[in-house]
C-alpha atoms as a PDB file:
ATOM      1  CA  MET A   1     113.990 145.758  74.826  1.00  0.00           C
ATOM      2  CA  THR A   2     114.808 149.344  75.661  1.00  0.00           C
ATOM      3  CA  GLY A   3     111.938 151.486  74.380  1.00  0.00           C
ATOM      4  CA  VAL A   4     109.385 153.432  76.371  1.00  0.00           C
ATOM      5  CA  ILE A   5     107.023 150.680  77.533  1.00  0.00           C
ATOM      6  CA  LEU A   6     104.028 152.122  79.386  1.00  0.00           C
ATOM      7  CA  PRO A   7     100.827 150.736  80.852  1.00  0.00           C
ATOM      8  CA  PHE A   8      97.476 152.333  80.114  1.00  0.00           C
ATOM      9  CA  GLN A   9      94.755 151.893  82.722  1.00  0.00           C
ATOM     10  CA  GLY A  10      96.677 149.025  84.268  1.00  0.00           C
ATOM     11  CA  VAL A  11      97.348 147.150  81.009  1.00  0.00           C
ATOM     12  CA  LEU A  12     101.043 146.712  80.212  1.00  0.00           C
ATOM     13  CA  PRO A  13     102.248 145.718  76.725  1.00  0.00           C
ATOM     14  CA  THR A  14     103.294 142.098  76.222  1.00  0.00           C
ATOM     15  CA  ILE A  15     106.504 141.900  74.227  1.00  0.00           C
ATOM     16  CA  ASP A  16     108.206 138.654  73.282  1.00  0.00           C
ATOM     17  CA  PRO A  17     111.753 138.564  74.694  1.00  0.00           C
ATOM     18  CA  THR A  18     113.171 138.035  71.185  1.00  0.00           C
ATOM     19  CA  ALA A  19     111.591 141.229  69.846  1.00  0.00           C
ATOM     20  CA  PHE A  20     113.600 144.432  69.419  1.00  0.00           C
ATOM     21  CA  ILE A  21     112.132 147.732  70.583  1.00  0.00           C
ATOM     22  CA  ALA A  22     114.335 150.755  69.789  1.00  0.00           C
ATOM     23  CA  HIS A  23     115.009 153.046  72.734  1.00  0.00           C
ATOM     24  CA  THR A  24     113.050 155.947  71.197  1.00  0.00           C
ATOM     25  CA  ALA A  25     109.980 153.843  70.359  1.00  0.00           C
ATOM     26  CA  ALA A  26     106.879 154.039  72.558  1.00  0.00           C
ATOM     27  CA  VAL A  27     104.685 150.991  73.150  1.00  0.00           C
ATOM     28  CA  ILE A  28     101.657 151.786  75.275  1.00  0.00           C
ATOM     29  CA  GLY A  29      98.761 149.794  76.724  1.00  0.00           C
ATOM     30  CA  ASP A  30      97.081 146.751  75.191  1.00  0.00           C
ATOM     31  CA  VAL A  31      99.807 145.832  72.706  1.00  0.00           C
ATOM     32  CA  VAL A  32     101.204 142.359  72.018  1.00  0.00           C
ATOM     33  CA  ILE A  33     104.385 142.027  69.943  1.00  0.00           C
ATOM     34  CA  GLY A  34     105.411 138.583  68.709  1.00  0.00           C
ATOM     35  CA  PRO A  35     108.745 136.800  68.392  1.00  0.00           C
ATOM     36  CA  GLU A  36     111.578 138.344  66.384  1.00  0.00           C
ATOM     37  CA  SER A  37     109.530 141.405  65.460  1.00  0.00           C
ATOM     38  CA  SER A  38     111.097 144.854  65.562  1.00  0.00           C
ATOM     39  CA  VAL A  39     109.812 148.332  66.330  1.00  0.00           C
ATOM     40  CA  TRP A  40     112.316 150.923  65.180  1.00  0.00           C
ATOM     41  CA  TYR A  41     113.283 154.441  66.198  1.00  0.00           C
ATOM     42  CA  GLY A  42     110.567 157.013  66.711  1.00  0.00           C
ATOM     43  CA  CYS A  43     107.637 154.603  66.360  1.00  0.00           C
ATOM     44  CA  THR A  44     104.505 154.807  68.487  1.00  0.00           C
ATOM     45  CA  LEU A  45     102.199 151.840  69.099  1.00  0.00           C
ATOM     46  CA  ARG A  46      99.351 153.177  71.230  1.00  0.00           C
ATOM     47  CA  GLY A  47      96.898 150.534  72.407  1.00  0.00           C
ATOM     48  CA  ASP A  48      94.909 152.794  74.687  1.00  0.00           C
ATOM     49  CA  VAL A  49      91.261 152.560  73.591  1.00  0.00           C
ATOM     50  CA  ASN A  50      91.532 149.199  71.821  1.00  0.00           C
ATOM     51  CA  GLU A  51      94.110 146.471  71.168  1.00  0.00           C
ATOM     52  CA  ILE A  52      97.128 146.170  68.886  1.00  0.00           C
ATOM     53  CA  ARG A  53      98.462 142.755  67.910  1.00  0.00           C
ATOM     54  CA  VAL A  54     101.740 142.290  66.025  1.00  0.00           C
ATOM     55  CA  GLY A  55     102.778 138.832  64.850  1.00  0.00           C
ATOM     56  CA  ALA A  56     106.191 137.245  64.403  1.00  0.00           C
ATOM     57  CA  ARG A  57     109.106 138.575  62.335  1.00  0.00           C
ATOM     58  CA  THR A  58     107.315 141.808  61.440  1.00  0.00           C
ATOM     59  CA  ASN A  59     109.288 145.035  61.202  1.00  0.00           C
ATOM     60  CA  ILE A  60     107.722 148.402  61.904  1.00  0.00           C
ATOM     61  CA  GLN A  61     110.184 150.944  60.599  1.00  0.00           C
ATOM     62  CA  ASP A  62     111.232 154.344  61.900  1.00  0.00           C
ATOM     63  CA  GLY A  63     108.583 156.981  62.572  1.00  0.00           C
ATOM     64  CA  THR A  64     105.565 154.741  62.058  1.00  0.00           C
ATOM     65  CA  VAL A  65     102.414 155.321  64.112  1.00  0.00           C
ATOM     66  CA  VAL A  66     100.087 152.421  64.935  1.00  0.00           C
ATOM     67  CA  HIS A  67      96.823 153.307  66.660  1.00  0.00           C
ATOM     68  CA  VAL A  68      93.295 151.984  67.130  1.00  0.00           C
ATOM     69  CA  SER A  69      89.673 153.079  67.126  1.00  0.00           C
ATOM     70  CA  LYS A  70      87.535 153.129  70.243  1.00  0.00           C
ATOM     71  CA  ARG A  71      84.275 152.542  68.363  1.00  0.00           C
ATOM     72  CA  GLY A  72      85.701 150.373  65.597  1.00  0.00           C
ATOM     73  CA  GLN A  73      88.361 147.753  65.790  1.00  0.00           C
ATOM     74  CA  GLY A  74      91.829 147.261  67.087  1.00  0.00           C
ATOM     75  CA  THR A  75      94.835 147.008  64.807  1.00  0.00           C
ATOM     76  CA  TYR A  76      95.932 143.546  63.717  1.00  0.00           C
ATOM     77  CA  ILE A  77      99.327 143.088  62.074  1.00  0.00           C
ATOM     78  CA  GLY A  78     100.293 139.558  61.049  1.00  0.00           C
ATOM     79  CA  ASP A  79     103.596 137.745  60.583  1.00  0.00           C
ATOM     80  CA  ASP A  80     106.460 138.532  58.184  1.00  0.00           C
ATOM     81  CA  ILE A  81     105.305 142.043  57.294  1.00  0.00           C
ATOM     82  CA  THR A  82     107.444 145.025  56.395  1.00  0.00           C
ATOM     83  CA  ILE A  83     105.928 148.398  57.272  1.00  0.00           C
ATOM     84  CA  GLY A  84     107.997 151.194  55.735  1.00  0.00           C
ATOM     85  CA  HIS A  85     109.250 154.335  57.438  1.00  0.00           C
ATOM     86  CA  MET A  86     106.670 156.880  58.649  1.00  0.00           C
ATOM     87  CA  ALA A  87     103.592 154.813  57.817  1.00  0.00           C
ATOM     88  CA  LEU A  88     100.278 155.406  59.601  1.00  0.00           C
ATOM     89  CA  ILE A  89      98.433 152.202  60.484  1.00  0.00           C
ATOM     90  CA  HIS A  90      95.048 152.873  62.095  1.00  0.00           C
ATOM     91  CA  ALA A  91      92.385 150.368  63.239  1.00  0.00           C
ATOM     92  CA  CYS A  92      92.969 148.049  60.293  1.00  0.00           C
ATOM     93  CA  THR A  93      94.123 144.506  59.498  1.00  0.00           C
ATOM     94  CA  LEU A  94      97.399 143.668  57.787  1.00  0.00           C
ATOM     95  CA  GLU A  95      97.453 139.984  56.932  1.00  0.00           C
ATOM     96  CA  SER A  96     100.673 137.976  57.146  1.00  0.00           C
ATOM     97  CA  GLY A  97     103.102 138.477  54.304  1.00  0.00           C
ATOM     98  CA  CYS A  98     101.869 141.818  52.973  1.00  0.00           C
ATOM     99  CA  PHE A  99     104.017 144.914  52.382  1.00  0.00           C
ATOM    100  CA  ILE A 100     103.292 148.520  53.375  1.00  0.00           C
ATOM    101  CA  GLY A 101     105.409 151.222  51.718  1.00  0.00           C
ATOM    102  CA  MET A 102     106.987 154.283  53.291  1.00  0.00           C
ATOM    103  CA  LYS A 103     104.574 157.043  54.344  1.00  0.00           C
ATOM    104  CA  ALA A 104     101.563 154.904  53.424  1.00  0.00           C
ATOM    105  CA  CYS A 105      98.357 155.351  55.419  1.00  0.00           C
ATOM    106  CA  VAL A 106      95.993 152.427  56.011  1.00  0.00           C
ATOM    107  CA  MET A 107      92.778 153.585  57.672  1.00  0.00           C
ATOM    108  CA  ASP A 108      89.968 152.192  59.803  1.00  0.00           C
ATOM    109  CA  GLY A 109      88.468 148.866  58.797  1.00  0.00           C
ATOM    110  CA  ALA A 110      90.758 148.427  55.793  1.00  0.00           C
ATOM    111  CA  VAL A 111      92.289 145.003  55.132  1.00  0.00           C
ATOM    112  CA  VAL A 112      95.548 144.388  53.303  1.00  0.00           C
ATOM    113  CA  GLU A 113      95.577 140.714  52.337  1.00  0.00           C
ATOM    114  CA  SER A 114      98.590 138.374  52.346  1.00  0.00           C
ATOM    115  CA  GLY A 115     100.765 138.921  49.304  1.00  0.00           C
ATOM    116  CA  ALA A 116      99.415 142.433  48.642  1.00  0.00           C
ATOM    117  CA  MET A 117     101.431 145.641  48.442  1.00  0.00           C
ATOM    118  CA  VAL A 118     100.523 149.212  49.386  1.00  0.00           C
ATOM    119  CA  ALA A 119     102.855 151.631  47.608  1.00  0.00           C
ATOM    120  CA  ALA A 120     104.825 154.385  49.295  1.00  0.00           C
ATOM    121  CA  GLY A 121     102.632 157.395  50.035  1.00  0.00           C
ATOM    122  CA  ALA A 122      99.371 155.576  49.300  1.00  0.00           C
ATOM    123  CA  LEU A 123      96.185 156.345  51.249  1.00  0.00           C
ATOM    124  CA  VAL A 124      94.018 153.262  51.760  1.00  0.00           C
ATOM    125  CA  THR A 125      90.683 154.736  52.812  1.00  0.00           C
ATOM    126  CA  PRO A 126      88.356 153.235  55.430  1.00  0.00           C
ATOM    127  CA  GLY A 127      86.866 149.829  54.703  1.00  0.00           C
ATOM    128  CA  LYS A 128      88.861 149.105  51.525  1.00  0.00           C
ATOM    129  CA  ARG A 129      90.243 145.628  50.865  1.00  0.00           C
ATOM    130  CA  VAL A 130      93.637 145.356  49.139  1.00  0.00           C
ATOM    131  CA  LYS A 131      93.467 141.937  47.496  1.00  0.00           C
ATOM    132  CA  SER A 132      96.275 139.404  47.484  1.00  0.00           C
ATOM    133  CA  GLY A 133      98.526 139.842  44.478  1.00  0.00           C
ATOM    134  CA  GLN A 134      97.591 143.494  43.897  1.00  0.00           C
ATOM    135  CA  LEU A 135      99.600 146.712  44.084  1.00  0.00           C
ATOM    136  CA  TRP A 136      97.608 149.696  45.344  1.00  0.00           C
ATOM    137  CA  ALA A 137      98.879 153.255  44.957  1.00  0.00           C
ATOM    138  CA  GLY A 138      97.635 156.823  44.980  1.00  0.00           C
ATOM    139  CA  SER A 139      95.550 159.032  47.226  1.00  0.00           C
ATOM    140  CA  PRO A 140      92.999 157.656  47.548  1.00  0.00           C
ATOM    141  CA  ALA A 141      94.659 154.338  46.756  1.00  0.00           C
ATOM    142  CA  ARG A 142      93.298 152.009  44.123  1.00  0.00           C
ATOM    143  CA  ALA A 143      94.476 148.816  42.457  1.00  0.00           C
ATOM    144  CA  ILE A 144      96.918 149.730  39.720  1.00  0.00           C
ATOM    145  CA  ARG A 145      98.231 146.319  38.655  1.00  0.00           C
ATOM    146  CA  GLU A 146      98.828 142.711  39.589  1.00  0.00           C
ATOM    147  CA  LEU A 147     102.106 141.937  41.322  1.00  0.00           C
ATOM    148  CA  THR A 148     104.654 139.786  39.544  1.00  0.00           C
ATOM    149  CA  GLU A 149     106.828 137.073  41.068  1.00  0.00           C
ATOM    150  CA  GLU A 150     109.662 139.583  40.782  1.00  0.00           C
ATOM    151  CA  ASP A 151     107.645 142.075  42.880  1.00  0.00           C
ATOM    152  CA  LEU A 152     106.846 139.468  45.545  1.00  0.00           C
ATOM    153  CA  ALA A 153     110.356 137.990  45.886  1.00  0.00           C
ATOM    154  CA  PRO A 154     111.770 140.775  48.138  1.00  0.00           C
ATOM    155  CA  PHE A 155     108.938 140.497  50.707  1.00  0.00           C
ATOM    156  CA  SER A 156     110.472 137.594  52.640  1.00  0.00           C
ATOM    157  CA  VAL A 157     114.029 138.843  52.079  1.00  0.00           C
ATOM    158  CA  LEU A 158     113.160 142.208  53.647  1.00  0.00           C
ATOM    159  CA  SER A 159     111.438 140.742  56.697  1.00  0.00           C
ATOM    160  CA  GLY A 160     114.277 138.237  57.189  1.00  0.00           C
ATOM    161  CA  GLY A 161     116.869 140.992  56.842  1.00  0.00           C
ATOM    162  CA  TYR A 162     115.154 143.008  59.555  1.00  0.00           C
ATOM    163  CA  VAL A 163     115.076 139.975  61.862  1.00  0.00           C
ATOM    164  CA  GLU A 164     118.855 139.737  61.464  1.00  0.00           C
ATOM    165  CA  LEU A 165     119.408 143.476  61.909  1.00  0.00           C
ATOM    166  CA  ALA A 166     117.241 143.518  65.041  1.00  0.00           C
ATOM    167  CA  GLN A 167     119.346 140.683  66.511  1.00  0.00           C
ATOM    168  CA  VAL A 168     122.469 142.782  65.982  1.00  0.00           C
ATOM    169  CA  TYR A 169     120.833 145.729  67.766  1.00  0.00           C
ATOM    170  CA  ARG A 170     119.587 143.523  70.624  1.00  0.00           C
ATOM    171  CA  LYS A 171     123.104 142.223  71.232  1.00  0.00           C
ATOM    172  CA  ALA A 172     124.673 145.707  71.175  1.00  0.00           C
END
């Protein structure tokens, strides 16, 4: 763990010792990161006015921002999730086993269910629910089709691949 790990108002992030935090990532305040998860280069997880919870084996890729809402909710990210490069995850819930594409934005109060996919560049507006088995795309995002078994197959491969890659980085 080599990133910028900072307390906010006396609350220091809790990071599992098996997690990988890139040296240019910032993890601030009330943030908990679970086992074998990874936070890559240039990411910010800012748990200053509410909490951020990240489960196990989740990868938060380069340039992603995770923040919270003071008046709404924290940000809850489950297990085995891939969050693509430069995503914006704000005061929402990502259930275990979902997929968030590059440069996607998931806003306050939105829920992305297990087995759902948010396409690259999509904007999931406040309070929307991305149902399991659906692909949402566009700005604003909407359901465009049901996911096939072929679509779902890479989800676990990607998260497992990032667990392995993070182990290589941790050992270096």
